[in-house]
């Protein structure tokens, strides 16, 4: 079996993780930084994978938010339409 031999990524320290998470909490800057970390060739592979996973989770929650928003607005519009006819 062939093993890929190469350099391993340096371990991110606790301080690096705390700073990364805090930066990701900043509303617009955090999203941009997640994109940079996820698709940068120079980013630590651990941070790169974490950023990709975080973006996937954000996308899933955004889709769920849209579904519930449309359902809620549909219910509001439906009930408002029925009341105005009666």
C-alpha atoms as a PDB file:
ATOM      1  CA  UNK A   1       0.000   0.000   0.000  1.00  0.00           C
ATOM      2  CA  UNK A   2       1.373   3.393  -0.954  1.00  0.00           C
ATOM      3  CA  UNK A   3       1.626   5.940   1.791  1.00  0.00           C
ATOM      4  CA  UNK A   4       1.717   9.603   0.987  1.00  0.00           C
ATOM      5  CA  UNK A   5       4.776  11.042   2.586  1.00  0.00           C
ATOM      6  CA  UNK A   6       4.937  14.716   3.206  1.00  0.00           C
ATOM      7  CA  UNK A   7       5.053  17.307   5.864  1.00  0.00           C
ATOM      8  CA  UNK A   8       2.378  17.320   8.500  1.00  0.00           C
ATOM      9  CA  UNK A   9       0.583  20.527   9.370  1.00  0.00           C
ATOM     10  CA  UNK A  10       1.637  22.247  12.561  1.00  0.00           C
ATOM     11  CA  UNK A  11      -0.759  21.794  15.453  1.00  0.00           C
ATOM     12  CA  UNK A  12      -2.885  24.859  16.080  1.00  0.00           C
ATOM     13  CA  UNK A  13      -2.562  26.095  19.624  1.00  0.00           C
ATOM     14  CA  UNK A  14      -5.481  26.863  21.895  1.00  0.00           C
ATOM     15  CA  UNK A  15      -4.786  30.573  21.382  1.00  0.00           C
ATOM     16  CA  UNK A  16      -4.967  30.137  17.582  1.00  0.00           C
ATOM     17  CA  UNK A  17      -8.331  28.385  17.868  1.00  0.00           C
ATOM     18  CA  UNK A  18      -9.768  30.992  20.246  1.00  0.00           C
ATOM     19  CA  UNK A  19      -8.688  33.822  17.936  1.00  0.00           C
ATOM     20  CA  UNK A  20     -10.097  32.025  14.888  1.00  0.00           C
ATOM     21  CA  UNK A  21     -13.452  31.395  16.564  1.00  0.00           C
ATOM     22  CA  UNK A  22     -13.678  34.968  17.862  1.00  0.00           C
ATOM     23  CA  UNK A  23     -12.933  36.348  14.393  1.00  0.00           C
ATOM     24  CA  UNK A  24     -15.587  34.081  12.891  1.00  0.00           C
ATOM     25  CA  UNK A  25     -18.180  35.567  15.306  1.00  0.00           C
ATOM     26  CA  UNK A  26     -17.815  39.060  13.800  1.00  0.00           C
ATOM     27  CA  UNK A  27     -20.841  39.353  11.468  1.00  0.00           C
ATOM     28  CA  UNK A  28     -19.482  40.256   8.004  1.00  0.00           C
ATOM     29  CA  UNK A  29     -15.746  40.013   8.642  1.00  0.00           C
ATOM     30  CA  UNK A  30     -16.154  36.536  10.113  1.00  0.00           C
ATOM     31  CA  UNK A  31     -17.962  35.228   7.045  1.00  0.00           C
ATOM     32  CA  UNK A  32     -15.313  36.686   4.743  1.00  0.00           C
ATOM     33  CA  UNK A  33     -12.531  35.200   6.866  1.00  0.00           C
ATOM     34  CA  UNK A  34     -14.215  31.789   6.804  1.00  0.00           C
ATOM     35  CA  UNK A  35     -14.229  31.973   3.009  1.00  0.00           C
ATOM     36  CA  UNK A  36     -10.558  33.012   2.983  1.00  0.00           C
ATOM     37  CA  UNK A  37      -9.537  30.240   5.368  1.00  0.00           C
ATOM     38  CA  UNK A  38     -11.634  27.616   3.569  1.00  0.00           C
ATOM     39  CA  UNK A  39     -10.271  28.289   0.097  1.00  0.00           C
ATOM     40  CA  UNK A  40      -6.755  29.560   0.792  1.00  0.00           C
ATOM     41  CA  UNK A  41      -3.820  27.361  -0.164  1.00  0.00           C
ATOM     42  CA  UNK A  42      -1.676  28.798   2.618  1.00  0.00           C
ATOM     43  CA  UNK A  43      -4.107  28.202   5.506  1.00  0.00           C
ATOM     44  CA  UNK A  44      -3.440  25.489   8.055  1.00  0.00           C
ATOM     45  CA  UNK A  45      -5.300  22.336   6.862  1.00  0.00           C
ATOM     46  CA  UNK A  46      -6.987  22.010  10.253  1.00  0.00           C
ATOM     47  CA  UNK A  47      -8.329  25.572  10.064  1.00  0.00           C
ATOM     48  CA  UNK A  48      -9.226  25.023   6.411  1.00  0.00           C
ATOM     49  CA  UNK A  49     -11.370  21.974   7.212  1.00  0.00           C
ATOM     50  CA  UNK A  50     -12.959  23.735  10.199  1.00  0.00           C
ATOM     51  CA  UNK A  51     -13.834  26.750   8.039  1.00  0.00           C
ATOM     52  CA  UNK A  52     -15.379  24.523   5.350  1.00  0.00           C
ATOM     53  CA  UNK A  53     -17.429  22.641   7.948  1.00  0.00           C
ATOM     54  CA  UNK A  54     -18.588  25.917   9.507  1.00  0.00           C
ATOM     55  CA  UNK A  55     -19.647  27.271   6.101  1.00  0.00           C
ATOM     56  CA  UNK A  56     -21.603  24.079   5.402  1.00  0.00           C
ATOM     57  CA  UNK A  57     -23.391  24.375   8.745  1.00  0.00           C
ATOM     58  CA  UNK A  58     -24.131  28.071   8.072  1.00  0.00           C
ATOM     59  CA  UNK A  59     -25.570  27.164   4.660  1.00  0.00           C
ATOM     60  CA  UNK A  60     -27.772  24.440   6.168  1.00  0.00           C
ATOM     61  CA  UNK A  61     -29.132  26.811   8.818  1.00  0.00           C
ATOM     62  CA  UNK A  62     -29.707  29.503   6.188  1.00  0.00           C
ATOM     63  CA  UNK A  63     -31.758  27.072   4.072  1.00  0.00           C
ATOM     64  CA  UNK A  64     -33.781  26.038   7.139  1.00  0.00           C
ATOM     65  CA  UNK A  65     -34.305  29.715   7.998  1.00  0.00           C
ATOM     66  CA  UNK A  66     -35.634  30.402   4.486  1.00  0.00           C
ATOM     67  CA  UNK A  67     -37.988  27.409   4.626  1.00  0.00           C
ATOM     68  CA  UNK A  68     -39.437  28.476   7.979  1.00  0.00           C
ATOM     69  CA  UNK A  69     -39.652  32.127   6.894  1.00  0.00           C
ATOM     70  CA  UNK A  70     -41.633  31.200   3.772  1.00  0.00           C
ATOM     71  CA  UNK A  71     -43.904  28.898   5.776  1.00  0.00           C
ATOM     72  CA  UNK A  72     -44.481  31.574   8.405  1.00  0.00           C
ATOM     73  CA  UNK A  73     -45.146  34.280   5.813  1.00  0.00           C
ATOM     74  CA  UNK A  74     -47.483  31.930   3.951  1.00  0.00           C
ATOM     75  CA  UNK A  75     -49.427  31.278   7.140  1.00  0.00           C
ATOM     76  CA  UNK A  76     -49.632  35.010   7.872  1.00  0.00           C
ATOM     77  CA  UNK A  77     -50.772  35.818   4.325  1.00  0.00           C
ATOM     78  CA  UNK A  78     -53.276  32.977   4.372  1.00  0.00           C
ATOM     79  CA  UNK A  79     -54.832  34.006   7.671  1.00  0.00           C
ATOM     80  CA  UNK A  80     -54.890  37.691   6.651  1.00  0.00           C
ATOM     81  CA  UNK A  81     -56.623  36.783   3.395  1.00  0.00           C
ATOM     82  CA  UNK A  82     -59.316  34.746   5.150  1.00  0.00           C
ATOM     83  CA  UNK A  83     -60.073  37.468   7.687  1.00  0.00           C
ATOM     84  CA  UNK A  84     -60.469  40.172   5.054  1.00  0.00           C
ATOM     85  CA  UNK A  85     -63.022  38.099   3.129  1.00  0.00           C
ATOM     86  CA  UNK A  86     -65.240  37.533   6.151  1.00  0.00           C
END
